[in-house]
Protein backbone atom coordinates (compact mmCIF):
# COMPACT_ATOMS: atom_id res chain seq x y z
CA MET A 1 14.63 20.44 -34.17
CA GLU A 2 13.83 23.30 -31.47
CA ILE A 3 10.43 22.79 -30.43
CA THR A 4 8.34 26.11 -30.00
CA ASN A 5 4.80 27.13 -29.86
CA GLU A 6 4.39 28.88 -32.78
CA LYS A 7 5.40 25.41 -34.53
CA ILE A 8 3.04 23.54 -32.56
CA LYS A 9 0.53 25.91 -33.65
CA LYS A 10 1.29 25.50 -36.81
CA LEU A 11 0.96 21.43 -36.75
CA ILE A 12 -2.51 21.86 -34.77
CA ASN A 13 -3.95 24.54 -37.65
CA LYS A 14 -2.21 22.01 -40.46
CA THR A 15 -4.22 19.12 -38.95
CA LEU A 16 -7.47 21.23 -38.37
CA GLU A 17 -7.16 22.41 -42.14
CA GLU A 18 -6.99 18.57 -43.15
CA ILE A 19 -10.25 17.91 -41.38
CA LYS A 20 -12.00 20.80 -43.28
CA ILE A 21 -13.75 21.87 -39.91
CA ASP A 22 -17.68 22.35 -41.03
CA ASN A 23 -18.28 26.26 -39.46
CA SER A 24 -22.31 25.30 -40.45
CA LEU A 25 -22.37 22.37 -37.75
CA THR A 26 -22.80 22.49 -33.80
CA LYS A 27 -19.80 22.27 -31.92
CA TYR A 28 -20.90 18.54 -31.21
CA GLU A 29 -20.71 17.98 -34.86
CA GLN A 30 -17.48 19.23 -35.05
CA ARG A 31 -15.93 17.53 -32.40
CA LYS A 32 -17.28 14.44 -34.16
CA GLN A 33 -15.89 15.63 -36.86
CA ILE A 34 -12.15 15.84 -35.10
CA TYR A 35 -12.63 12.53 -33.42
CA GLU A 36 -13.59 10.95 -36.24
CA TYR A 37 -10.29 12.41 -38.40
CA LEU A 38 -8.30 11.16 -35.98
CA THR A 39 -9.14 7.72 -35.57
CA LYS A 40 -9.60 7.55 -39.27
CA THR A 41 -5.83 8.92 -40.00
CA LYS A 42 -3.60 7.80 -37.47
CA THR A 43 -2.24 4.61 -36.28
CA TYR A 44 -1.42 3.45 -32.48
CA ASP A 45 2.46 2.33 -32.26
CA TYR A 46 2.28 -1.05 -30.97
CA GLU A 47 5.80 -1.64 -30.61
CA TYR A 48 6.23 1.35 -28.58
CA PHE A 49 4.07 0.07 -26.11
CA GLU A 50 5.27 -3.47 -25.88
CA GLY A 51 8.35 -1.81 -25.34
CA ILE A 52 7.09 -0.25 -21.91
CA LEU A 53 4.78 -3.37 -21.38
CA LYS A 54 7.45 -5.07 -21.27
CA ASN A 55 9.21 -3.43 -17.91
CA TYR A 56 5.75 -2.13 -16.72
CA ASN A 57 6.82 -3.59 -13.31
CA GLU A 58 10.35 -3.14 -13.42
CA ILE A 59 11.79 -2.15 -10.08
CA ASP A 60 15.06 -0.72 -11.12
CA THR A 61 14.15 2.45 -13.33
CA LYS A 62 17.64 2.31 -14.97
CA LYS A 63 15.90 -0.72 -16.61
CA ARG A 64 12.84 0.80 -17.66
CA PHE A 65 11.80 1.93 -21.57
CA PRO A 66 13.13 4.88 -21.62
CA ARG A 67 10.28 7.47 -22.24
CA ASN A 68 9.49 10.94 -23.53
CA PRO A 69 6.29 12.55 -22.61
CA GLU A 70 7.42 15.65 -24.93
CA ASN A 71 8.23 13.46 -27.89
CA GLU A 72 5.24 10.96 -27.32
CA PHE A 73 2.88 14.72 -26.84
CA LEU A 74 4.34 15.21 -30.53
CA ALA A 75 4.32 11.73 -31.95
CA PRO A 76 0.26 11.91 -33.28
CA LEU A 77 1.31 15.28 -35.15
CA LEU A 78 5.00 14.80 -36.61
CA THR A 79 4.41 10.96 -37.42
CA ASN A 80 0.87 10.07 -37.65
CA LYS A 81 1.50 7.54 -34.37
CA GLY A 82 1.22 7.54 -31.07
CA ILE A 83 0.00 6.04 -28.00
CA CYS A 84 -2.63 7.36 -25.41
CA ASN A 85 -1.35 9.77 -23.90
CA GLY A 86 -0.23 11.48 -27.20
CA PHE A 87 -3.35 11.06 -28.69
CA ALA A 88 -5.38 12.38 -25.52
CA GLN A 89 -3.64 15.43 -25.58
CA ILE A 90 -3.23 16.61 -28.98
CA TYR A 91 -7.18 16.24 -29.10
CA LYS A 92 -7.29 18.10 -26.06
CA LEU A 93 -5.48 21.16 -28.47
CA LEU A 94 -7.86 20.30 -31.01
CA LEU A 95 -10.47 20.68 -29.41
CA GLU A 96 -9.72 24.02 -27.76
CA GLN A 97 -9.40 25.48 -31.40
CA ILE A 98 -13.32 25.31 -32.30
CA GLY A 99 -14.09 26.27 -28.57
CA ILE A 100 -14.67 22.81 -26.66
CA TYR A 101 -12.98 22.44 -23.34
CA SER A 102 -11.98 18.81 -21.91
CA ILE A 103 -9.66 17.38 -19.69
CA CYS A 104 -7.24 14.62 -19.82
CA ILE A 105 -8.11 11.83 -17.27
CA ASN A 106 -5.94 8.90 -16.43
CA CYS A 107 -7.32 5.23 -15.40
CA MET A 108 -6.50 1.67 -15.40
CA ILE A 109 -7.73 -0.78 -18.38
CA LYS A 110 -7.41 -4.47 -19.24
CA HIS A 111 -5.42 -5.55 -21.39
CA GLU A 112 -4.53 -9.42 -21.96
CA ASN A 113 -5.38 -10.13 -18.68
CA LYS A 114 -3.80 -7.75 -16.65
CA PHE A 115 -4.24 -3.97 -16.12
CA VAL A 116 -2.11 -1.11 -17.58
CA GLY A 117 -2.22 2.58 -16.93
CA HIS A 118 -4.14 4.53 -19.73
CA GLN A 119 -4.92 7.83 -20.87
CA LEU A 120 -8.26 9.56 -22.39
CA ASN A 121 -10.60 12.54 -22.86
CA LEU A 122 -13.57 14.09 -20.72
CA VAL A 123 -15.39 16.28 -22.99
CA TYR A 124 -17.78 19.52 -22.25
CA ASN A 125 -21.16 20.47 -23.34
CA GLU A 126 -21.80 23.48 -22.98
CA GLU A 127 -25.34 23.34 -23.85
CA SER A 128 -25.79 20.38 -20.82
CA ASN A 129 -23.31 21.64 -18.94
CA THR A 130 -21.98 17.79 -18.86
CA PHE A 131 -19.11 15.96 -19.73
CA SER A 132 -18.87 12.80 -21.40
CA PHE A 133 -15.79 10.61 -22.23
CA ASP A 134 -14.34 10.40 -25.48
CA ASP A 135 -11.51 7.80 -25.94
CA VAL A 136 -9.30 8.24 -29.18
CA THR A 137 -6.81 5.63 -29.31
CA PHE A 138 -9.46 2.84 -28.70
CA GLY A 139 -10.97 4.91 -31.51
CA ILE A 140 -8.02 3.88 -33.57
CA ILE A 141 -7.40 0.65 -32.26
CA LYS A 142 -11.13 -0.63 -32.92
CA GLN A 143 -12.09 1.89 -35.70
CA THR A 144 -15.76 2.45 -34.44
CA ASN A 145 -17.54 5.16 -32.52
CA GLU A 146 -18.74 3.31 -29.45
CA TYR A 147 -15.80 5.37 -27.77
CA PHE A 148 -16.88 8.52 -28.36
CA ASP A 149 -18.88 10.68 -26.24
CA TYR A 150 -19.92 7.83 -23.87
CA ASP A 151 -20.63 7.85 -19.60
CA SER A 152 -20.16 4.43 -18.27
CA PRO A 153 -16.61 3.82 -18.82
CA GLU A 154 -17.17 0.84 -16.73
CA GLU A 155 -19.20 -0.60 -19.16
CA LEU A 156 -16.29 -1.10 -22.06
CA GLU A 157 -14.61 -4.46 -22.07
CA GLU A 158 -11.63 -2.41 -21.32
CA LEU A 159 -13.15 -2.18 -17.81
CA GLN A 160 -12.30 1.49 -17.42
CA GLY A 161 -11.67 3.00 -14.34
CA LEU A 162 -12.54 0.13 -12.28
CA LYS A 163 -9.35 -1.13 -11.24
CA PRO A 164 -7.53 1.41 -8.54
CA ILE A 165 -4.40 3.05 -10.04
CA TYR A 166 -2.94 3.57 -6.56
CA LYS A 167 -4.85 2.87 -3.46
CA ASN A 168 -8.51 3.89 -3.80
CA ILE A 169 -7.97 6.65 -6.66
CA LYS A 170 -9.60 4.97 -9.74
CA TRP A 171 -9.00 8.53 -12.04
CA MET A 172 -6.51 10.87 -11.96
CA ILE A 173 -7.08 14.14 -13.69
CA LEU A 174 -4.02 15.20 -15.28
CA ASP A 175 -2.89 18.97 -14.11
CA GLU A 176 -3.54 21.51 -17.10
CA GLU A 177 -0.08 23.01 -16.45
CA LEU A 178 1.66 20.09 -17.89
CA ILE A 179 -0.33 20.26 -21.30
CA ASN A 180 0.67 24.18 -21.03
CA TYR A 181 4.46 23.25 -20.74
CA PHE A 182 3.89 20.37 -23.64
CA ALA A 183 2.37 23.10 -25.52
CA LYS A 184 4.84 25.54 -25.14
CA ARG A 185 2.30 27.85 -23.82
CA LYS A 186 1.69 29.89 -20.48
CA LYS A 187 -1.88 29.06 -21.08
CA SER A 188 -4.96 27.98 -22.93
CA LYS A 189 -6.81 29.91 -25.10
CA ILE A 190 -9.99 28.81 -23.66
CA ASP A 191 -10.66 29.02 -19.68
CA SER A 192 -11.99 26.35 -17.70
CA PRO A 193 -15.77 26.00 -16.92
CA ILE A 194 -15.11 24.14 -14.08
CA LYS A 195 -12.45 24.32 -11.12
CA ILE A 196 -10.65 21.22 -10.06
CA LYS A 197 -10.53 20.79 -6.11
CA ASN A 198 -8.85 17.44 -6.14
CA PRO A 199 -7.51 15.47 -9.33
CA ASN A 200 -7.86 11.97 -7.37
CA ILE A 201 -10.87 10.63 -8.22
CA THR A 202 -12.43 7.83 -5.70
CA ASN A 203 -15.85 7.79 -6.47
CA GLU A 204 -18.82 9.63 -8.10
CA LYS A 205 -18.61 12.47 -5.40
CA ASP A 206 -15.39 13.59 -5.82
CA PHE A 207 -16.18 14.24 -9.45
CA ILE A 208 -19.19 16.10 -8.27
CA GLU A 209 -17.12 18.03 -5.95
CA ASN A 210 -14.59 19.26 -9.28
CA GLY A 211 -17.78 20.44 -11.18
CA ILE A 212 -17.26 17.48 -13.30
CA ILE A 213 -21.08 16.21 -14.10
CA ILE A 214 -21.13 12.90 -16.18
CA LYS A 215 -24.28 13.38 -18.50
CA LYS A 216 -26.10 10.13 -17.09
CA TYR A 217 -26.17 12.16 -13.61
CA LEU A 218 -28.61 14.23 -14.79
CA GLU A 219 -30.63 10.83 -15.63
CA LYS A 220 -30.32 9.93 -12.14
CA THR A 221 -29.17 6.43 -13.23
CA LYS A 222 -26.09 5.25 -11.59
CA THR A 223 -23.19 5.05 -13.55
CA MET A 224 -19.43 4.96 -13.09
CA TRP A 225 -19.47 2.50 -9.88
């Protein structure tokens, strides 16, 4: 089946119809509606993840688990099952439909005494001009709202962002063009409120230089590291 932008739009709109977004709610409340719908109706694909993990450090690329990023992107919409990158990217598209900007961002997390790659979202709140984290994947796995609208990821048991992905890079912002490619579109329907200067984040200053103000910064409370 050929996947086009129109087909993806239909899948996104169908999901929004199922959510029954309440237009009388604030943007923040609608965001929570979408988050809770995904965490209650989607399941994590443990079998697929274990296949990836089994050969995670395999040097010979021919022996690695065969992955298809486009299929991983679509899986939550087509099968109601997926892994972190699919959930984060579909969540981003759903938020865009109600006028909320978000970023897909990668980090390392602790899983069974080893660190593995993970993807989640930084979501923009236009009222405060700040960002906070939403992690749909762990909302699904743990069935809790602890992973919705939080600003100190390093305090979670997964130790998000504490171990570098590469050298001293602790977070990597996913290029918007990659989302556009998966969604078969030229650009997002909403403009970014920030300009990403460097997608590789090593410390709090790098977030700020990209215009990403984590809401806890406003309280002058140290967070992230």
